Protein backbone atom coordinates (compact mmCIF):
# COMPACT_ATOMS: atom_id res chain seq x y z
CA MET A 1 220.95 57.20 26.77
CA ARG A 2 220.16 60.85 27.10
CA ASP A 3 219.20 62.29 30.48
CA ARG A 4 216.03 63.63 28.93
CA PHE A 5 214.74 60.06 28.53
CA PHE A 6 216.50 58.28 31.38
CA TYR A 7 215.21 60.30 34.34
CA PRO A 8 211.51 60.17 33.40
CA LEU A 9 211.84 56.41 32.82
CA ALA A 10 213.60 55.95 36.16
CA LEU A 11 210.89 57.99 37.89
CA ALA A 12 208.12 55.94 36.24
CA ALA A 13 209.83 52.69 37.25
CA THR A 14 210.20 53.90 40.84
CA VAL A 15 206.57 54.97 41.11
CA GLY A 16 205.49 51.68 39.54
CA MET A 17 207.45 49.62 42.07
CA ILE A 18 206.04 51.63 44.97
CA LEU A 19 202.48 51.17 43.68
CA LEU A 20 203.07 47.44 43.22
CA ALA A 21 204.33 47.18 46.80
CA LEU A 22 201.20 48.94 48.04
CA VAL A 23 198.90 46.59 46.14
CA TRP A 24 200.69 43.35 47.06
CA PRO A 25 201.83 43.71 50.70
CA GLN A 26 203.89 40.55 51.31
CA GLY A 27 204.91 40.02 54.90
CA GLN A 28 202.34 42.34 56.48
CA GLY A 29 200.01 39.55 57.58
CA ALA A 30 198.12 39.38 54.30
CA ARG A 31 198.86 36.72 51.69
CA SER A 32 199.63 37.92 48.21
CA PRO A 33 197.55 36.72 45.25
CA ALA A 34 198.58 33.65 43.23
CA PRO A 35 201.38 34.86 40.97
CA PHE A 36 203.21 36.70 43.75
CA GLY A 37 202.33 34.84 46.95
CA HIS A 38 203.54 31.52 48.31
CA GLU A 39 202.41 28.93 50.81
CA PRO A 40 203.76 29.53 54.30
CA THR A 41 206.29 26.86 55.24
CA THR A 42 206.67 25.29 58.64
CA PRO A 43 209.63 23.31 59.97
CA ALA A 44 207.52 20.13 59.83
CA LYS A 45 206.57 20.78 56.21
CA THR A 46 210.19 21.48 55.31
CA ALA A 47 211.32 18.23 56.94
CA GLY A 48 208.60 16.29 55.11
CA LEU A 49 206.77 15.22 58.25
CA ARG A 50 203.03 14.68 58.45
CA THR A 51 201.27 17.33 60.52
CA THR A 52 197.94 15.47 60.91
CA GLN A 53 197.43 12.14 62.62
């Protein structure tokens, strides 16, 4: 691949990843939306224990 095409594509990919990280901040206290986020797990949930009585 020629440098003339590679470097602009690499720059666009880098900027795109940075913008995606700004929109979906995982691990900063805010949950990500459905396709990117996940339910927080607790040790009790991992062990399969009931948390309510």
